Amino acid sequence: MGETEKVHFDENGLVPVVAQDAATGDVLTLAYANQEAVEKTLSSGEAHYYSRSRNELWRKGATSGNTQQVMEVRLDCDGDALLYRVDPKGPACHTGEKTCFFTTLSGEAGAGKGEIGFGEMVEHLAGTIAERHREMPEESYTAGLIRSGVDRLSQKVGEEAVEVVISALRNDRLAEETADLVYHLLVLLEERGVGIGEVAKVLHDRHR
């Protein structure tokens, strides 16, 4: 059984799998996997599940293109549930929503705060940058940055980093300059083909 020997599959040979965005922590979906699906996930680095309605193995995004790159697979304390921490390449839900858990029954996300979480904003911005990269519209500042090449883009990131340092020393406009740096850094990552999920995994590994 190899790496799956610690997984306790149920009487139908399945185990529930929670998919979580590695960058933001958002819960994306709840699905099921059999031993073959788990093994393919571990060997390929892409999320595989088992469809109970179709009675077949499926790779997330095989038809939609909304794949999930698996950054880490965790097993719960009882050995009967898995967590896939993923870098999603598009919506997780078949409805087109980012997560399957978009219906609120009680409470309100961010209630009393009136602000968007940093991780959520970064993910949204990274998605917009990726869209501009795909379409490369002439009037887009982001597309223009990407067209300028990695040398100029790297220089721009350096300039923005200096602006952050100056703002910190002056204690003035630090939030604004930091936002500029984050934006240009995300454009550089996109140009180099590095997903924010990969960065999140490095931070997670270092945190442990």
C-alpha atoms as a PDB file:
ATOM      1  CA  MET A   1       0.000   0.000   0.000  1.00  0.00           C
ATOM      2  CA  GLY A   2       3.013   2.320   0.394  1.00  0.00           C
ATOM      3  CA  GLU A   3       2.173   5.895   1.373  1.00  0.00           C
ATOM      4  CA  THR A   4      -1.535   5.130   1.726  1.00  0.00           C
ATOM      5  CA  GLU A   5      -1.097   2.435   4.374  1.00  0.00           C
ATOM      6  CA  LYS A   6      -2.046   4.826   7.186  1.00  0.00           C
ATOM      7  CA  VAL A   7      -5.294   5.880   5.489  1.00  0.00           C
ATOM      8  CA  HIS A   8      -8.425   4.171   6.857  1.00  0.00           C
ATOM      9  CA  PHE A   9     -10.794   3.786   3.914  1.00  0.00           C
ATOM     10  CA  ASP A  10     -14.448   3.087   4.723  1.00  0.00           C
ATOM     11  CA  GLU A  11     -16.436  -0.027   3.814  1.00  0.00           C
ATOM     12  CA  ASN A  12     -16.816   1.324   0.279  1.00  0.00           C
ATOM     13  CA  GLY A  13     -13.086   1.881  -0.076  1.00  0.00           C
ATOM     14  CA  LEU A  14     -13.418   5.670   0.169  1.00  0.00           C
ATOM     15  CA  VAL A  15     -12.070   8.456   2.359  1.00  0.00           C
ATOM     16  CA  PRO A  16     -13.424  12.036   2.582  1.00  0.00           C
ATOM     17  CA  VAL A  17     -11.079  14.726   1.267  1.00  0.00           C
ATOM     18  CA  VAL A  18     -11.201  18.419   2.120  1.00  0.00           C
ATOM     19  CA  ALA A  19      -9.515  20.652  -0.463  1.00  0.00           C
ATOM     20  CA  GLN A  20      -8.063  23.863   0.984  1.00  0.00           C
ATOM     21  CA  ASP A  21      -6.462  26.797  -0.805  1.00  0.00           C
ATOM     22  CA  ALA A  22      -2.851  26.715   0.392  1.00  0.00           C
ATOM     23  CA  ALA A  23      -2.434  30.461  -0.090  1.00  0.00           C
ATOM     24  CA  THR A  24      -5.576  31.770   1.608  1.00  0.00           C
ATOM     25  CA  GLY A  25      -6.717  28.907   3.850  1.00  0.00           C
ATOM     26  CA  ASP A  26     -10.157  28.928   2.200  1.00  0.00           C
ATOM     27  CA  VAL A  27     -11.971  25.587   2.208  1.00  0.00           C
ATOM     28  CA  LEU A  28     -12.753  24.866  -1.444  1.00  0.00           C
ATOM     29  CA  THR A  29     -14.672  21.603  -1.529  1.00  0.00           C
ATOM     30  CA  LEU A  30     -15.420  18.275   0.131  1.00  0.00           C
ATOM     31  CA  ALA A  31     -14.976  15.217  -2.067  1.00  0.00           C
ATOM     32  CA  TYR A  32     -14.060  11.555  -1.765  1.00  0.00           C
ATOM     33  CA  ALA A  33     -11.104   9.477  -2.897  1.00  0.00           C
ATOM     34  CA  ASN A  34     -10.331   5.785  -3.153  1.00  0.00           C
ATOM     35  CA  GLN A  35      -6.861   4.319  -2.799  1.00  0.00           C
ATOM     36  CA  GLU A  36      -6.076   4.761  -6.493  1.00  0.00           C
ATOM     37  CA  ALA A  37      -7.127   8.438  -6.392  1.00  0.00           C
ATOM     38  CA  VAL A  38      -4.911   9.115  -3.383  1.00  0.00           C
ATOM     39  CA  GLU A  39      -1.966   7.327  -4.975  1.00  0.00           C
ATOM     40  CA  LYS A  40      -2.381   9.290  -8.224  1.00  0.00           C
ATOM     41  CA  THR A  41      -2.588  12.516  -6.249  1.00  0.00           C
ATOM     42  CA  LEU A  42       0.631  11.720  -4.407  1.00  0.00           C
ATOM     43  CA  SER A  43       2.488  10.624  -7.535  1.00  0.00           C
ATOM     44  CA  SER A  44       1.280  13.333  -9.939  1.00  0.00           C
ATOM     45  CA  GLY A  45       0.936  16.341  -7.652  1.00  0.00           C
ATOM     46  CA  GLU A  46      -2.552  17.024  -9.034  1.00  0.00           C
ATOM     47  CA  ALA A  47      -5.784  16.445  -7.121  1.00  0.00           C
ATOM     48  CA  HIS A  48      -7.592  13.206  -7.991  1.00  0.00           C
ATOM     49  CA  TYR A  49     -10.919  12.147  -6.510  1.00  0.00           C
ATOM     50  CA  TYR A  50     -13.500   9.394  -6.853  1.00  0.00           C
ATOM     51  CA  SER A  51     -16.978  10.263  -8.121  1.00  0.00           C
ATOM     52  CA  ARG A  52     -19.622   8.384  -6.161  1.00  0.00           C
ATOM     53  CA  SER A  53     -22.324   9.331  -8.682  1.00  0.00           C
ATOM     54  CA  ARG A  54     -20.348   8.169 -11.727  1.00  0.00           C
ATOM     55  CA  ASN A  55     -18.435   5.428  -9.916  1.00  0.00           C
ATOM     56  CA  GLU A  56     -15.164   6.450 -11.482  1.00  0.00           C
ATOM     57  CA  LEU A  57     -11.826   8.088 -10.774  1.00  0.00           C
ATOM     58  CA  TRP A  58     -11.499  11.712 -11.888  1.00  0.00           C
ATOM     59  CA  ARG A  59      -8.772  14.313 -12.031  1.00  0.00           C
ATOM     60  CA  LYS A  60      -9.924  17.756 -10.958  1.00  0.00           C
ATOM     61  CA  GLY A  61      -9.995  20.028 -14.007  1.00  0.00           C
ATOM     62  CA  ALA A  62      -9.728  17.244 -16.588  1.00  0.00           C
ATOM     63  CA  THR A  63     -12.585  18.789 -18.577  1.00  0.00           C
ATOM     64  CA  SER A  64     -12.896  22.310 -17.151  1.00  0.00           C
ATOM     65  CA  GLY A  65      -9.198  23.123 -16.936  1.00  0.00           C
ATOM     66  CA  ASN A  66      -9.658  24.175 -13.297  1.00  0.00           C
ATOM     67  CA  THR A  67      -6.960  21.908 -11.955  1.00  0.00           C
ATOM     68  CA  GLN A  68      -5.649  21.804  -8.400  1.00  0.00           C
ATOM     69  CA  GLN A  69      -1.904  21.531  -7.866  1.00  0.00           C
ATOM     70  CA  VAL A  70      -1.418  19.722  -4.576  1.00  0.00           C
ATOM     71  CA  MET A  71       1.151  21.387  -2.346  1.00  0.00           C
ATOM     72  CA  GLU A  72       0.649  19.077   0.649  1.00  0.00           C
ATOM     73  CA  VAL A  73      -1.480  16.105   1.702  1.00  0.00           C
ATOM     74  CA  ARG A  74      -2.367  15.730   5.383  1.00  0.00           C
ATOM     75  CA  LEU A  75      -4.016  12.886   7.269  1.00  0.00           C
ATOM     76  CA  ASP A  76      -6.253  13.608  10.270  1.00  0.00           C
ATOM     77  CA  CYS A  77      -5.603  12.193  13.751  1.00  0.00           C
ATOM     78  CA  ASP A  78      -7.991   9.249  13.242  1.00  0.00           C
ATOM     79  CA  GLY A  79      -6.594   8.384   9.836  1.00  0.00           C
ATOM     80  CA  ASP A  80     -10.029   8.525   8.202  1.00  0.00           C
ATOM     81  CA  ALA A  81      -9.975  11.922   6.460  1.00  0.00           C
ATOM     82  CA  LEU A  82      -7.521  13.737   4.198  1.00  0.00           C
ATOM     83  CA  LEU A  83      -6.679  17.377   3.590  1.00  0.00           C
ATOM     84  CA  TYR A  84      -5.373  18.456   0.193  1.00  0.00           C
ATOM     85  CA  ARG A  85      -3.683  21.874   0.437  1.00  0.00           C
ATOM     86  CA  VAL A  86      -3.784  23.070  -3.146  1.00  0.00           C
ATOM     87  CA  ASP A  87      -2.947  25.855  -5.572  1.00  0.00           C
ATOM     88  CA  PRO A  88      -6.229  26.107  -7.530  1.00  0.00           C
ATOM     89  CA  LYS A  89      -6.082  27.014 -11.215  1.00  0.00           C
ATOM     90  CA  GLY A  90      -9.616  28.356 -11.366  1.00  0.00           C
ATOM     91  CA  PRO A  91     -12.920  27.882  -9.515  1.00  0.00           C
ATOM     92  CA  ALA A  92     -13.322  24.783  -7.378  1.00  0.00           C
ATOM     93  CA  CYS A  93     -17.107  24.586  -7.743  1.00  0.00           C
ATOM     94  CA  HIS A  94     -18.977  23.390 -10.849  1.00  0.00           C
ATOM     95  CA  THR A  95     -21.172  26.496 -10.502  1.00  0.00           C
ATOM     96  CA  GLY A  96     -18.178  28.691 -11.281  1.00  0.00           C
ATOM     97  CA  GLU A  97     -17.797  29.857  -7.694  1.00  0.00           C
ATOM     98  CA  LYS A  98     -14.334  29.887  -6.172  1.00  0.00           C
ATOM     99  CA  THR A  99     -15.453  27.551  -3.375  1.00  0.00           C
ATOM    100  CA  CYS A 100     -18.360  25.136  -3.014  1.00  0.00           C
ATOM    101  CA  PHE A 101     -19.095  26.719   0.379  1.00  0.00           C
ATOM    102  CA  PHE A 102     -20.561  29.990  -0.885  1.00  0.00           C
ATOM    103  CA  THR A 103     -23.984  29.692   0.783  1.00  0.00           C
ATOM    104  CA  THR A 104     -24.180  31.270   4.253  1.00  0.00           C
ATOM    105  CA  LEU A 105     -26.631  29.664   6.688  1.00  0.00           C
ATOM    106  CA  SER A 106     -25.566  31.576   9.783  1.00  0.00           C
ATOM    107  CA  GLY A 107     -23.304  34.509  10.511  1.00  0.00           C
ATOM    108  CA  GLU A 108     -21.460  36.636   8.008  1.00  0.00           C
ATOM    109  CA  ALA A 109     -17.902  36.456   6.791  1.00  0.00           C
ATOM    110  CA  GLY A 110     -15.921  39.358   8.159  1.00  0.00           C
ATOM    111  CA  ALA A 111     -18.901  40.588  10.193  1.00  0.00           C
ATOM    112  CA  GLY A 112     -18.001  43.651  12.229  1.00  0.00           C
ATOM    113  CA  LYS A 113     -14.750  44.173  10.349  1.00  0.00           C
ATOM    114  CA  GLY A 114     -15.959  45.633   7.088  1.00  0.00           C
ATOM    115  CA  GLU A 115     -12.761  44.672   5.297  1.00  0.00           C
ATOM    116  CA  ILE A 116     -11.418  41.994   2.991  1.00  0.00           C
ATOM    117  CA  GLY A 117      -8.788  39.612   4.346  1.00  0.00           C
ATOM    118  CA  PHE A 118      -5.246  40.120   3.051  1.00  0.00           C
ATOM    119  CA  GLY A 119      -4.967  36.564   1.731  1.00  0.00           C
ATOM    120  CA  GLU A 120      -8.269  36.821  -0.112  1.00  0.00           C
ATOM    121  CA  MET A 121      -7.264  40.128  -1.688  1.00  0.00           C
ATOM    122  CA  VAL A 122      -3.866  38.795  -2.773  1.00  0.00           C
ATOM    123  CA  GLU A 123      -5.490  35.736  -4.329  1.00  0.00           C
ATOM    124  CA  HIS A 124      -8.023  37.879  -6.176  1.00  0.00           C
ATOM    125  CA  LEU A 125      -5.299  40.209  -7.427  1.00  0.00           C
ATOM    126  CA  ALA A 126      -3.122  37.285  -8.548  1.00  0.00           C
ATOM    127  CA  GLY A 127      -6.088  35.905 -10.483  1.00  0.00           C
ATOM    128  CA  THR A 128      -6.658  39.248 -12.222  1.00  0.00           C
ATOM    129  CA  ILE A 129      -2.960  39.490 -13.104  1.00  0.00           C
ATOM    130  CA  ALA A 130      -3.048  35.952 -14.554  1.00  0.00           C
ATOM    131  CA  GLU A 131      -6.077  36.921 -16.646  1.00  0.00           C
ATOM    132  CA  ARG A 132      -4.273  39.987 -18.011  1.00  0.00           C
ATOM    133  CA  HIS A 133      -1.298  37.771 -18.827  1.00  0.00           C
ATOM    134  CA  ARG A 134      -3.477  35.401 -20.813  1.00  0.00           C
ATOM    135  CA  GLU A 135      -5.299  38.112 -22.728  1.00  0.00           C
ATOM    136  CA  MET A 136      -2.544  40.775 -22.882  1.00  0.00           C
ATOM    137  CA  PRO A 137      -4.863  43.720 -23.689  1.00  0.00           C
ATOM    138  CA  GLU A 138      -3.064  46.725 -25.162  1.00  0.00           C
ATOM    139  CA  GLU A 139      -4.483  49.208 -22.634  1.00  0.00           C
ATOM    140  CA  SER A 140      -3.560  47.114 -19.573  1.00  0.00           C
ATOM    141  CA  TYR A 141      -0.773  48.398 -17.305  1.00  0.00           C
ATOM    142  CA  THR A 142      -0.209  44.832 -16.061  1.00  0.00           C
ATOM    143  CA  ALA A 143       0.165  43.498 -19.604  1.00  0.00           C
ATOM    144  CA  GLY A 144       2.568  46.338 -20.362  1.00  0.00           C
ATOM    145  CA  LEU A 145       4.709  45.388 -17.383  1.00  0.00           C
ATOM    146  CA  ILE A 146       4.853  41.779 -18.548  1.00  0.00           C
ATOM    147  CA  ARG A 147       5.702  42.858 -22.086  1.00  0.00           C
ATOM    148  CA  SER A 148       8.575  44.971 -20.734  1.00  0.00           C
ATOM    149  CA  GLY A 149      10.410  41.782 -19.741  1.00  0.00           C
ATOM    150  CA  VAL A 150      11.790  40.286 -16.571  1.00  0.00           C
ATOM    151  CA  ASP A 151      14.737  42.697 -16.322  1.00  0.00           C
ATOM    152  CA  ARG A 152      12.564  45.811 -16.255  1.00  0.00           C
ATOM    153  CA  LEU A 153       9.957  44.113 -14.075  1.00  0.00           C
ATOM    154  CA  SER A 154      12.600  43.049 -11.556  1.00  0.00           C
ATOM    155  CA  GLN A 155      13.963  46.586 -11.522  1.00  0.00           C
ATOM    156  CA  LYS A 156      10.439  47.890 -10.858  1.00  0.00           C
ATOM    157  CA  VAL A 157      10.043  45.551  -7.884  1.00  0.00           C
ATOM    158  CA  GLY A 158      13.357  46.821  -6.524  1.00  0.00           C
ATOM    159  CA  GLU A 159      12.212  50.429  -6.905  1.00  0.00           C
ATOM    160  CA  GLU A 160       8.959  49.690  -5.088  1.00  0.00           C
ATOM    161  CA  ALA A 161      10.863  47.949  -2.282  1.00  0.00           C
ATOM    162  CA  VAL A 162      13.003  51.072  -1.822  1.00  0.00           C
ATOM    163  CA  GLU A 163       9.819  53.170  -1.647  1.00  0.00           C
ATOM    164  CA  VAL A 164       8.557  50.917   1.158  1.00  0.00           C
ATOM    165  CA  VAL A 165      11.788  51.412   3.106  1.00  0.00           C
ATOM    166  CA  ILE A 166      11.607  55.187   2.674  1.00  0.00           C
ATOM    167  CA  SER A 167       7.962  55.225   3.751  1.00  0.00           C
ATOM    168  CA  ALA A 168       8.784  53.156   6.834  1.00  0.00           C
ATOM    169  CA  LEU A 169      11.558  55.553   7.828  1.00  0.00           C
ATOM    170  CA  ARG A 170       9.271  58.536   7.317  1.00  0.00           C
ATOM    171  CA  ASN A 171       6.283  56.739   8.835  1.00  0.00           C
ATOM    172  CA  ASP A 172       4.207  58.010   5.911  1.00  0.00           C
ATOM    173  CA  ARG A 173       2.146  56.207   3.219  1.00  0.00           C
ATOM    174  CA  LEU A 174       3.524  52.827   4.281  1.00  0.00           C
ATOM    175  CA  ALA A 175       0.301  50.937   3.493  1.00  0.00           C
ATOM    176  CA  GLU A 176       0.063  52.497   0.022  1.00  0.00           C
ATOM    177  CA  GLU A 177       3.688  51.792  -0.864  1.00  0.00           C
ATOM    178  CA  THR A 178       3.415  48.249   0.476  1.00  0.00           C
ATOM    179  CA  ALA A 179       0.368  47.664  -1.717  1.00  0.00           C
ATOM    180  CA  ASP A 180       2.368  48.855  -4.748  1.00  0.00           C
ATOM    181  CA  LEU A 181       5.200  46.469  -3.870  1.00  0.00           C
ATOM    182  CA  VAL A 182       2.855  43.497  -3.425  1.00  0.00           C
ATOM    183  CA  TYR A 183       1.186  44.210  -6.772  1.00  0.00           C
ATOM    184  CA  HIS A 184       4.452  44.448  -8.717  1.00  0.00           C
ATOM    185  CA  LEU A 185       5.828  41.374  -6.937  1.00  0.00           C
ATOM    186  CA  LEU A 186       2.735  39.398  -7.974  1.00  0.00           C
ATOM    187  CA  VAL A 187       3.238  40.521 -11.584  1.00  0.00           C
ATOM    188  CA  LEU A 188       6.857  39.328 -11.412  1.00  0.00           C
ATOM    189  CA  LEU A 189       5.775  35.958 -10.001  1.00  0.00           C
ATOM    190  CA  GLU A 190       3.206  35.598 -12.781  1.00  0.00           C
ATOM    191  CA  GLU A 191       5.790  36.445 -15.444  1.00  0.00           C
ATOM    192  CA  ARG A 192       8.139  33.841 -14.011  1.00  0.00           C
ATOM    193  CA  GLY A 193       5.371  31.208 -13.707  1.00  0.00           C
ATOM    194  CA  VAL A 194       5.489  30.975  -9.910  1.00  0.00           C
ATOM    195  CA  GLY A 195       2.077  30.612  -8.236  1.00  0.00           C
ATOM    196  CA  ILE A 196       1.270  32.208  -4.894  1.00  0.00           C
ATOM    197  CA  GLY A 197       0.468  28.703  -3.650  1.00  0.00           C
ATOM    198  CA  GLU A 198       4.132  27.801  -4.094  1.00  0.00           C
ATOM    199  CA  VAL A 199       5.161  30.807  -2.020  1.00  0.00           C
ATOM    200  CA  ALA A 200       2.597  29.858   0.625  1.00  0.00           C
ATOM    201  CA  LYS A 201       4.038  26.343   0.806  1.00  0.00           C
ATOM    202  CA  VAL A 202       7.551  27.683   1.396  1.00  0.00           C
ATOM    203  CA  LEU A 203       6.250  29.942   4.170  1.00  0.00           C
ATOM    204  CA  HIS A 204       4.352  27.025   5.690  1.00  0.00           C
ATOM    205  CA  ASP A 205       7.405  24.738   5.602  1.00  0.00           C
ATOM    206  CA  ARG A 206       9.546  27.403   7.228  1.00  0.00           C
ATOM    207  CA  HIS A 207       6.910  28.049   9.874  1.00  0.00           C
ATOM    208  CA  ARG A 208       7.007  24.393  10.929  1.00  0.00           C
END
